[in-house]
Amino acid sequence: MRTNAWLAVGLVLVALLVCAWIAWAITVWSEHGTRQGIGVLIVWPAIVAVLAVISIPFIWAFRVIRASAGDGEEESETGPESGDTEATETG
């Protein structure tokens, strides 16, 4: 975690989200009964799973586009257009 601060931030946010989800389920359970409390425990993770499945094609497309754009930049840097000229001897 010392090498990647964003990983630590993400783990803390996930922990807070899980705690909030459990607290919300307890609140709903105590105010509205067992059926609604179990509904909160089941529905919220299901919503997150559906959003994750829906986002997979978009993440894949972003990575493919970014990788293809990166390949184009590497070719232009290593090609003859990059300013590399060979010295030739005459005579």
PDB file of N, CA and C in Angstrom:
ATOM      1  N   MET A   1       0.813  -1.195   0.000  1.00  0.00           N
ATOM      2  CA  MET A   1       0.000   0.000   0.000  1.00  0.00           C
ATOM      3  C   MET A   1       0.854   1.256   0.000  1.00  0.00           C
ATOM      4  N   ARG A   2       2.085   1.141   0.446  1.00  0.00           N
ATOM      5  CA  ARG A   2       2.944   2.314   0.459  1.00  0.00           C
ATOM      6  C   ARG A   2       3.314   2.755  -0.947  1.00  0.00           C
ATOM      7  N   THR A   3       3.333   1.821  -1.886  1.00  0.00           N
ATOM      8  CA  THR A   3       3.717   2.181  -3.245  1.00  0.00           C
ATOM      9  C   THR A   3       2.569   2.805  -4.014  1.00  0.00           C
ATOM     10  N   ASN A   4       1.332   2.486  -3.660  1.00  0.00           N
ATOM     11  CA  ASN A   4       0.194   3.018  -4.401  1.00  0.00           C
ATOM     12  C   ASN A   4      -0.818   3.597  -3.414  1.00  0.00           C
ATOM     13  N   ALA A   5      -0.825   4.901  -3.305  1.00  0.00           N
ATOM     14  CA  ALA A   5      -1.723   5.568  -2.364  1.00  0.00           C
ATOM     15  C   ALA A   5      -3.177   5.430  -2.792  1.00  0.00           C
ATOM     16  N   TRP A   6      -3.434   5.369  -4.102  1.00  0.00           N
ATOM     17  CA  TRP A   6      -4.809   5.246  -4.580  1.00  0.00           C
ATOM     18  C   TRP A   6      -5.428   3.913  -4.191  1.00  0.00           C
ATOM     19  N   LEU A   7      -4.606   2.871  -4.085  1.00  0.00           N
ATOM     20  CA  LEU A   7      -5.105   1.587  -3.630  1.00  0.00           C
ATOM     21  C   LEU A   7      -5.588   1.686  -2.183  1.00  0.00           C
ATOM     22  N   ALA A   8      -4.838   2.367  -1.346  1.00  0.00           N
ATOM     23  CA  ALA A   8      -5.238   2.560   0.049  1.00  0.00           C
ATOM     24  C   ALA A   8      -6.527   3.367   0.138  1.00  0.00           C
ATOM     25  N   VAL A   9      -6.639   4.411  -0.667  1.00  0.00           N
ATOM     26  CA  VAL A   9      -7.848   5.233  -0.675  1.00  0.00           C
ATOM     27  C   VAL A   9      -9.040   4.387  -1.119  1.00  0.00           C
ATOM     28  N   GLY A  10      -8.853   3.582  -2.147  1.00  0.00           N
ATOM     29  CA  GLY A  10      -9.928   2.728  -2.631  1.00  0.00           C
ATOM     30  C   GLY A  10     -10.370   1.711  -1.594  1.00  0.00           C
ATOM     31  N   LEU A  11      -9.421   1.104  -0.896  1.00  0.00           N
ATOM     32  CA  LEU A  11      -9.770   0.130   0.137  1.00  0.00           C
ATOM     33  C   LEU A  11     -10.523   0.782   1.297  1.00  0.00           C
ATOM     34  N   VAL A  12     -10.126   1.983   1.673  1.00  0.00           N
ATOM     35  CA  VAL A  12     -10.830   2.692   2.737  1.00  0.00           C
ATOM     36  C   VAL A  12     -12.254   3.029   2.293  1.00  0.00           C
ATOM     37  N   LEU A  13     -12.415   3.462   1.045  1.00  0.00           N
ATOM     38  CA  LEU A  13     -13.754   3.778   0.545  1.00  0.00           C
ATOM     39  C   LEU A  13     -14.632   2.542   0.476  1.00  0.00           C
ATOM     40  N   VAL A  14     -14.071   1.416   0.076  1.00  0.00           N
ATOM     41  CA  VAL A  14     -14.839   0.172   0.037  1.00  0.00           C
ATOM     42  C   VAL A  14     -15.257  -0.232   1.445  1.00  0.00           C
ATOM     43  N   ALA A  15     -14.353  -0.109   2.405  1.00  0.00           N
ATOM     44  CA  ALA A  15     -14.692  -0.447   3.785  1.00  0.00           C
ATOM     45  C   ALA A  15     -15.804   0.449   4.318  1.00  0.00           C
ATOM     46  N   LEU A  16     -15.730   1.738   4.025  1.00  0.00           N
ATOM     47  CA  LEU A  16     -16.779   2.659   4.452  1.00  0.00           C
ATOM     48  C   LEU A  16     -18.112   2.343   3.780  1.00  0.00           C
ATOM     49  N   LEU A  17     -18.065   1.983   2.507  1.00  0.00           N
ATOM     50  CA  LEU A  17     -19.284   1.644   1.784  1.00  0.00           C
ATOM     51  C   LEU A  17     -19.939   0.386   2.357  1.00  0.00           C
ATOM     52  N   VAL A  18     -19.132  -0.618   2.690  1.00  0.00           N
ATOM     53  CA  VAL A  18     -19.678  -1.839   3.291  1.00  0.00           C
ATOM     54  C   VAL A  18     -20.278  -1.538   4.658  1.00  0.00           C
ATOM     55  N   CYS A  19     -19.612  -0.723   5.449  1.00  0.00           N
ATOM     56  CA  CYS A  19     -20.147  -0.340   6.762  1.00  0.00           C
ATOM     57  C   CYS A  19     -21.458   0.429   6.616  1.00  0.00           C
ATOM     58  N   ALA A  20     -21.528   1.323   5.657  1.00  0.00           N
ATOM     59  CA  ALA A  20     -22.754   2.083   5.432  1.00  0.00           C
ATOM     60  C   ALA A  20     -23.880   1.169   4.955  1.00  0.00           C
ATOM     61  N   TRP A  21     -23.549   0.191   4.112  1.00  0.00           N
ATOM     62  CA  TRP A  21     -24.548  -0.749   3.627  1.00  0.00           C
ATOM     63  C   TRP A  21     -25.123  -1.577   4.784  1.00  0.00           C
ATOM     64  N   ILE A  22     -24.263  -2.061   5.666  1.00  0.00           N
ATOM     65  CA  ILE A  22     -24.728  -2.847   6.802  1.00  0.00           C
ATOM     66  C   ILE A  22     -25.550  -1.976   7.759  1.00  0.00           C
ATOM     67  N   ALA A  23     -25.107  -0.747   8.002  1.00  0.00           N
ATOM     68  CA  ALA A  23     -25.856   0.157   8.879  1.00  0.00           C
ATOM     69  C   ALA A  23     -27.230   0.470   8.286  1.00  0.00           C
ATOM     70  N   TRP A  24     -27.270   0.670   6.965  1.00  0.00           N
ATOM     71  CA  TRP A  24     -28.556   0.949   6.313  1.00  0.00           C
ATOM     72  C   TRP A  24     -29.479  -0.260   6.432  1.00  0.00           C
ATOM     73  N   ALA A  25     -28.935  -1.469   6.254  1.00  0.00           N
ATOM     74  CA  ALA A  25     -29.745  -2.682   6.377  1.00  0.00           C
ATOM     75  C   ALA A  25     -30.282  -2.834   7.799  1.00  0.00           C
ATOM     76  N   ILE A  26     -29.467  -2.524   8.797  1.00  0.00           N
ATOM     77  CA  ILE A  26     -29.921  -2.619  10.190  1.00  0.00           C
ATOM     78  C   ILE A  26     -31.027  -1.605  10.456  1.00  0.00           C
ATOM     79  N   THR A  27     -30.861  -0.390   9.922  1.00  0.00           N
ATOM     80  CA  THR A  27     -31.883   0.645  10.112  1.00  0.00           C
ATOM     81  C   THR A  27     -33.198   0.242   9.466  1.00  0.00           C
ATOM     82  N   VAL A  28     -33.129  -0.231   8.230  1.00  0.00           N
ATOM     83  CA  VAL A  28     -34.349  -0.650   7.538  1.00  0.00           C
ATOM     84  C   VAL A  28     -34.977  -1.837   8.251  1.00  0.00           C
ATOM     85  N   TRP A  29     -34.148  -2.773   8.693  1.00  0.00           N
ATOM     86  CA  TRP A  29     -34.638  -3.960   9.394  1.00  0.00           C
ATOM     87  C   TRP A  29     -35.405  -3.563  10.659  1.00  0.00           C
ATOM     88  N   SER A  30     -34.841  -2.634  11.415  1.00  0.00           N
ATOM     89  CA  SER A  30     -35.484  -2.260  12.678  1.00  0.00           C
ATOM     90  C   SER A  30     -36.743  -1.428  12.463  1.00  0.00           C
ATOM     91  N   GLU A  31     -36.785  -0.631  11.409  1.00  0.00           N
ATOM     92  CA  GLU A  31     -37.941   0.243  11.183  1.00  0.00           C
ATOM     93  C   GLU A  31     -39.054  -0.434  10.385  1.00  0.00           C
ATOM     94  N   HIS A  32     -38.685  -1.315   9.436  1.00  0.00           N
ATOM     95  CA  HIS A  32     -39.694  -1.848   8.513  1.00  0.00           C
ATOM     96  C   HIS A  32     -39.852  -3.359   8.571  1.00  0.00           C
ATOM     97  N   GLY A  33     -38.998  -4.049   9.278  1.00  0.00           N
ATOM     98  CA  GLY A  33     -39.185  -5.486   9.429  1.00  0.00           C
ATOM     99  C   GLY A  33     -38.150  -6.303   8.673  1.00  0.00           C
ATOM    100  N   THR A  34     -38.302  -7.607   8.843  1.00  0.00           N
ATOM    101  CA  THR A  34     -37.322  -8.551   8.306  1.00  0.00           C
ATOM    102  C   THR A  34     -37.298  -8.568   6.793  1.00  0.00           C
ATOM    103  N   ARG A  35     -38.466  -8.572   6.179  1.00  0.00           N
ATOM    104  CA  ARG A  35     -38.532  -8.672   4.719  1.00  0.00           C
ATOM    105  C   ARG A  35     -37.786  -7.528   4.034  1.00  0.00           C
ATOM    106  N   GLN A  36     -37.997  -6.309   4.484  1.00  0.00           N
ATOM    107  CA  GLN A  36     -37.317  -5.170   3.880  1.00  0.00           C
ATOM    108  C   GLN A  36     -35.829  -5.164   4.221  1.00  0.00           C
ATOM    109  N   GLY A  37     -35.468  -5.590   5.414  1.00  0.00           N
ATOM    110  CA  GLY A  37     -34.057  -5.650   5.790  1.00  0.00           C
ATOM    111  C   GLY A  37     -33.285  -6.640   4.941  1.00  0.00           C
ATOM    112  N   ILE A  38     -33.871  -7.811   4.711  1.00  0.00           N
ATOM    113  CA  ILE A  38     -33.223  -8.795   3.835  1.00  0.00           C
ATOM    114  C   ILE A  38     -33.199  -8.280   2.404  1.00  0.00           C
ATOM    115  N   GLY A  39     -34.226  -7.555   2.022  1.00  0.00           N
ATOM    116  CA  GLY A  39     -34.246  -6.955   0.685  1.00  0.00           C
ATOM    117  C   GLY A  39     -33.075  -6.005   0.480  1.00  0.00           C
ATOM    118  N   VAL A  40     -32.778  -5.197   1.482  1.00  0.00           N
ATOM    119  CA  VAL A  40     -31.634  -4.285   1.384  1.00  0.00           C
ATOM    120  C   VAL A  40     -30.331  -5.076   1.276  1.00  0.00           C
ATOM    121  N   LEU A  41     -30.215  -6.155   2.050  1.00  0.00           N
ATOM    122  CA  LEU A  41     -29.002  -6.965   2.000  1.00  0.00           C
ATOM    123  C   LEU A  41     -28.802  -7.625   0.647  1.00  0.00           C
ATOM    124  N   ILE A  42     -29.887  -7.953  -0.052  1.00  0.00           N
ATOM    125  CA  ILE A  42     -29.782  -8.653  -1.334  1.00  0.00           C
ATOM    126  C   ILE A  42     -29.739  -7.680  -2.509  1.00  0.00           C
ATOM    127  N   VAL A  43     -30.565  -6.665  -2.488  1.00  0.00           N
ATOM    128  CA  VAL A  43     -30.730  -5.801  -3.657  1.00  0.00           C
ATOM    129  C   VAL A  43     -29.511  -4.916  -3.899  1.00  0.00           C
ATOM    130  N   TRP A  44     -28.928  -4.346  -2.884  1.00  0.00           N
ATOM    131  CA  TRP A  44     -27.801  -3.430  -3.101  1.00  0.00           C
ATOM    132  C   TRP A  44     -26.608  -4.118  -3.764  1.00  0.00           C
ATOM    133  N   PRO A  45     -26.178  -5.287  -3.304  1.00  0.00           N
ATOM    134  CA  PRO A  45     -25.095  -5.961  -4.025  1.00  0.00           C
ATOM    135  C   PRO A  45     -25.509  -6.370  -5.444  1.00  0.00           C
ATOM    136  N   ALA A  46     -26.782  -6.704  -5.629  1.00  0.00           N
ATOM    137  CA  ALA A  46     -27.247  -7.055  -6.968  1.00  0.00           C
ATOM    138  C   ALA A  46     -27.160  -5.850  -7.902  1.00  0.00           C
ATOM    139  N   ILE A  47     -27.508  -4.685  -7.407  1.00  0.00           N
ATOM    140  CA  ILE A  47     -27.400  -3.467  -8.222  1.00  0.00           C
ATOM    141  C   ILE A  47     -25.942  -3.196  -8.592  1.00  0.00           C
ATOM    142  N   VAL A  48     -25.047  -3.344  -7.629  1.00  0.00           N
ATOM    143  CA  VAL A  48     -23.619  -3.133  -7.898  1.00  0.00           C
ATOM    144  C   VAL A  48     -23.114  -4.140  -8.927  1.00  0.00           C
ATOM    145  N   ALA A  49     -23.544  -5.387  -8.825  1.00  0.00           N
ATOM    146  CA  ALA A  49     -23.118  -6.414  -9.778  1.00  0.00           C
ATOM    147  C   ALA A  49     -23.626  -6.110 -11.178  1.00  0.00           C
ATOM    148  N   VAL A  50     -24.862  -5.673 -11.295  1.00  0.00           N
ATOM    149  CA  VAL A  50     -25.414  -5.329 -12.610  1.00  0.00           C
ATOM    150  C   VAL A  50     -24.664  -4.144 -13.210  1.00  0.00           C
ATOM    151  N   LEU A  51     -24.380  -3.139 -12.409  1.00  0.00           N
ATOM    152  CA  LEU A  51     -23.613  -1.991 -12.909  1.00  0.00           C
ATOM    153  C   LEU A  51     -22.215  -2.407 -13.350  1.00  0.00           C
ATOM    154  N   ALA A  52     -21.602  -3.326 -12.630  1.00  0.00           N
ATOM    155  CA  ALA A  52     -20.278  -3.812 -13.014  1.00  0.00           C
ATOM    156  C   ALA A  52     -20.337  -4.555 -14.340  1.00  0.00           C
ATOM    157  N   VAL A  53     -21.344  -5.392 -14.524  1.00  0.00           N
ATOM    158  CA  VAL A  53     -21.479  -6.146 -15.776  1.00  0.00           C
ATOM    159  C   VAL A  53     -21.767  -5.206 -16.942  1.00  0.00           C
ATOM    160  N   ILE A  54     -22.589  -4.200 -16.710  1.00  0.00           N
ATOM    161  CA  ILE A  54     -22.894  -3.240 -17.775  1.00  0.00           C
ATOM    162  C   ILE A  54     -21.657  -2.428 -18.143  1.00  0.00           C
ATOM    163  N   SER A  55     -20.797  -2.115 -17.176  1.00  0.00           N
ATOM    164  CA  SER A  55     -19.634  -1.267 -17.447  1.00  0.00           C
ATOM    165  C   SER A  55     -18.482  -2.017 -18.112  1.00  0.00           C
ATOM    166  N   ILE A  56     -18.494  -3.343 -18.099  1.00  0.00           N
ATOM    167  CA  ILE A  56     -17.380  -4.116 -18.672  1.00  0.00           C
ATOM    168  C   ILE A  56     -17.125  -3.768 -20.142  1.00  0.00           C
ATOM    169  N   PRO A  57     -18.138  -3.707 -21.030  1.00  0.00           N
ATOM    170  CA  PRO A  57     -17.833  -3.352 -22.425  1.00  0.00           C
ATOM    171  C   PRO A  57     -17.236  -1.957 -22.582  1.00  0.00           C
ATOM    172  N   PHE A  58     -17.680  -1.024 -21.768  1.00  0.00           N
ATOM    173  CA  PHE A  58     -17.155   0.332 -21.860  1.00  0.00           C
ATOM    174  C   PHE A  58     -15.690   0.390 -21.400  1.00  0.00           C
ATOM    175  N   ILE A  59     -15.377  -0.322 -20.335  1.00  0.00           N
ATOM    176  CA  ILE A  59     -13.993  -0.378 -19.862  1.00  0.00           C
ATOM    177  C   ILE A  59     -13.115  -1.059 -20.901  1.00  0.00           C
ATOM    178  N   TRP A  60     -13.610  -2.154 -21.488  1.00  0.00           N
ATOM    179  CA  TRP A  60     -12.854  -2.862 -22.525  1.00  0.00           C
ATOM    180  C   TRP A  60     -12.590  -1.940 -23.722  1.00  0.00           C
ATOM    181  N   ALA A  61     -13.615  -1.227 -24.182  1.00  0.00           N
ATOM    182  CA  ALA A  61     -13.448  -0.326 -25.324  1.00  0.00           C
ATOM    183  C   ALA A  61     -12.446   0.772 -25.004  1.00  0.00           C
ATOM    184  N   PHE A  62     -12.511   1.337 -23.818  1.00  0.00           N
ATOM    185  CA  PHE A  62     -11.567   2.380 -23.429  1.00  0.00           C
ATOM    186  C   PHE A  62     -10.141   1.857 -23.465  1.00  0.00           C
ATOM    187  N   ARG A  63      -9.929   0.659 -22.927  1.00  0.00           N
ATOM    188  CA  ARG A  63      -8.582   0.088 -22.905  1.00  0.00           C
ATOM    189  C   ARG A  63      -8.075  -0.212 -24.310  1.00  0.00           C
ATOM    190  N   VAL A  64      -8.955  -0.701 -25.189  1.00  0.00           N
ATOM    191  CA  VAL A  64      -8.552  -0.999 -26.561  1.00  0.00           C
ATOM    192  C   VAL A  64      -8.193   0.284 -27.298  1.00  0.00           C
ATOM    193  N   ILE A  65      -9.011   1.310 -27.145  1.00  0.00           N
ATOM    194  CA  ILE A  65      -8.734   2.584 -27.817  1.00  0.00           C
ATOM    195  C   ILE A  65      -7.448   3.195 -27.294  1.00  0.00           C
ATOM    196  N   ARG A  66      -7.250   3.157 -25.992  1.00  0.00           N
ATOM    197  CA  ARG A  66      -6.035   3.715 -25.409  1.00  0.00           C
ATOM    198  C   ARG A  66      -4.794   2.939 -25.849  1.00  0.00           C
ATOM    199  N   ALA A  67      -4.911   1.630 -25.930  1.00  0.00           N
ATOM    200  CA  ALA A  67      -3.775   0.821 -26.367  1.00  0.00           C
ATOM    201  C   ALA A  67      -3.457   1.074 -27.840  1.00  0.00           C
ATOM    202  N   SER A  68      -4.479   1.207 -28.677  1.00  0.00           N
ATOM    203  CA  SER A  68      -4.218   1.463 -30.096  1.00  0.00           C
ATOM    204  C   SER A  68      -3.655   2.863 -30.302  1.00  0.00           C
ATOM    205  N   ALA A  69      -4.077   3.821 -29.510  1.00  0.00           N
ATOM    206  CA  ALA A  69      -3.512   5.170 -29.610  1.00  0.00           C
ATOM    207  C   ALA A  69      -2.058   5.161 -29.153  1.00  0.00           C
ATOM    208  N   GLY A  70      -1.744   4.370 -28.142  1.00  0.00           N
ATOM    209  CA  GLY A  70      -0.368   4.262 -27.658  1.00  0.00           C
ATOM    210  C   GLY A  70       0.526   3.592 -28.686  1.00  0.00           C
ATOM    211  N   ASP A  71       0.012   2.590 -29.421  1.00  0.00           N
ATOM    212  CA  ASP A  71       0.798   1.939 -30.463  1.00  0.00           C
ATOM    213  C   ASP A  71       1.131   2.910 -31.591  1.00  0.00           C
ATOM    214  N   GLY A  72       0.210   3.769 -31.941  1.00  0.00           N
ATOM    215  CA  GLY A  72       0.453   4.748 -32.997  1.00  0.00           C
ATOM    216  C   GLY A  72       1.529   5.748 -32.609  1.00  0.00           C
ATOM    217  N   GLU A  73       1.563   6.143 -31.363  1.00  0.00           N
ATOM    218  CA  GLU A  73       2.578   7.085 -30.899  1.00  0.00           C
ATOM    219  C   GLU A  73       3.958   6.445 -30.906  1.00  0.00           C
ATOM    220  N   GLU A  74       4.044   5.179 -30.531  1.00  0.00           N
ATOM    221  CA  GLU A  74       5.338   4.498 -30.499  1.00  0.00           C
ATOM    222  C   GLU A  74       5.905   4.349 -31.901  1.00  0.00           C
ATOM    223  N   GLU A  75       5.053   4.068 -32.897  1.00  0.00           N
ATOM    224  CA  GLU A  75       5.529   3.922 -34.268  1.00  0.00           C
ATOM    225  C   GLU A  75       6.074   5.235 -34.800  1.00  0.00           C
ATOM    226  N   SER A  76       5.408   6.348 -34.480  1.00  0.00           N
ATOM    227  CA  SER A  76       5.878   7.625 -34.996  1.00  0.00           C
ATOM    228  C   SER A  76       7.188   8.047 -34.328  1.00  0.00           C
ATOM    229  N   GLU A  77       7.408   7.630 -33.086  1.00  0.00           N
ATOM    230  CA  GLU A  77       8.652   7.985 -32.415  1.00  0.00           C
ATOM    231  C   GLU A  77       9.829   7.166 -32.915  1.00  0.00           C
ATOM    232  N   THR A  78       9.589   5.935 -33.335  1.00  0.00           N
ATOM    233  CA  THR A  78      10.685   5.074 -33.759  1.00  0.00           C
ATOM    234  C   THR A  78      10.863   5.059 -35.272  1.00  0.00           C
ATOM    235  N   GLY A  79       9.957   5.637 -35.992  1.00  0.00           N
ATOM    236  CA  GLY A  79      10.031   5.624 -37.456  1.00  0.00           C
ATOM    237  C   GLY A  79      10.978   6.685 -37.977  1.00  0.00           C
ATOM    238  N   PRO A  80      11.148   6.723 -39.306  1.00  0.00           N
ATOM    239  CA  PRO A  80      12.059   7.701 -39.906  1.00  0.00           C
ATOM    240  C   PRO A  80      11.575   9.136 -39.762  1.00  0.00           C
ATOM    241  N   GLU A  81      10.301   9.353 -39.479  1.00  0.00           N
ATOM    242  CA  GLU A  81       9.799  10.710 -39.324  1.00  0.00           C
ATOM    243  C   GLU A  81      10.273  11.359 -38.033  1.00  0.00           C
ATOM    244  N   SER A  82      10.836  10.585 -37.137  1.00  0.00           N
ATOM    245  CA  SER A  82      11.173  11.123 -35.815  1.00  0.00           C
ATOM    246  C   SER A  82      12.432  11.978 -35.821  1.00  0.00           C
ATOM    247  N   GLY A  83      13.078  12.125 -36.955  1.00  0.00           N
ATOM    248  CA  GLY A  83      14.257  12.970 -37.003  1.00  0.00           C
ATOM    249  C   GLY A  83      15.561  12.202 -36.983  1.00  0.00           C
ATOM    250  N   ASP A  84      15.506  10.895 -36.907  1.00  0.00           N
ATOM    251  CA  ASP A  84      16.716  10.092 -36.945  1.00  0.00           C
ATOM    252  C   ASP A  84      17.198   9.988 -38.401  1.00  0.00           C
ATOM    253  N   THR A  85      18.348  10.529 -38.656  1.00  0.00           N
ATOM    254  CA  THR A  85      18.895  10.438 -40.015  1.00  0.00           C
ATOM    255  C   THR A  85      20.227   9.723 -39.950  1.00  0.00           C
ATOM    256  N   GLU A  86      20.461   8.955 -40.967  1.00  0.00           N
ATOM    257  CA  GLU A  86      21.719   8.223 -41.023  1.00  0.00           C
ATOM    258  C   GLU A  86      22.736   9.046 -41.803  1.00  0.00           C
ATOM    259  N   ALA A  87      23.936   9.073 -41.300  1.00  0.00           N
ATOM    260  CA  ALA A  87      25.014   9.790 -41.989  1.00  0.00           C
ATOM    261  C   ALA A  87      25.611   8.843 -43.016  1.00  0.00           C
ATOM    262  N   THR A  88      25.671   9.298 -44.226  1.00  0.00           N
ATOM    263  CA  THR A  88      26.272   8.470 -45.290  1.00  0.00           C
ATOM    264  C   THR A  88      27.541   9.129 -45.763  1.00  0.00           C
ATOM    265  N   GLU A  89      28.531   8.308 -46.056  1.00  0.00           N
ATOM    266  CA  GLU A  89      29.789   8.829 -46.561  1.00  0.00           C
ATOM    267  C   GLU A  89      29.754   8.847 -48.084  1.00  0.00           C
ATOM    268  N   THR A  90      30.240   9.896 -48.608  1.00  0.00           N
ATOM    269  CA  THR A  90      30.355   9.971 -50.060  1.00  0.00           C
ATOM    270  C   THR A  90      31.819   9.977 -50.415  1.00  0.00           C
ATOM    271  N   GLY A  91      32.135   9.237 -51.399  1.00  0.00           N
ATOM    272  CA  GLY A  91      33.471   9.322 -51.936  1.00  0.00           C
ATOM    273  C   GLY A  91      34.388   8.369 -51.473  1.00  0.00           C
TER     274      GLY A  91
END
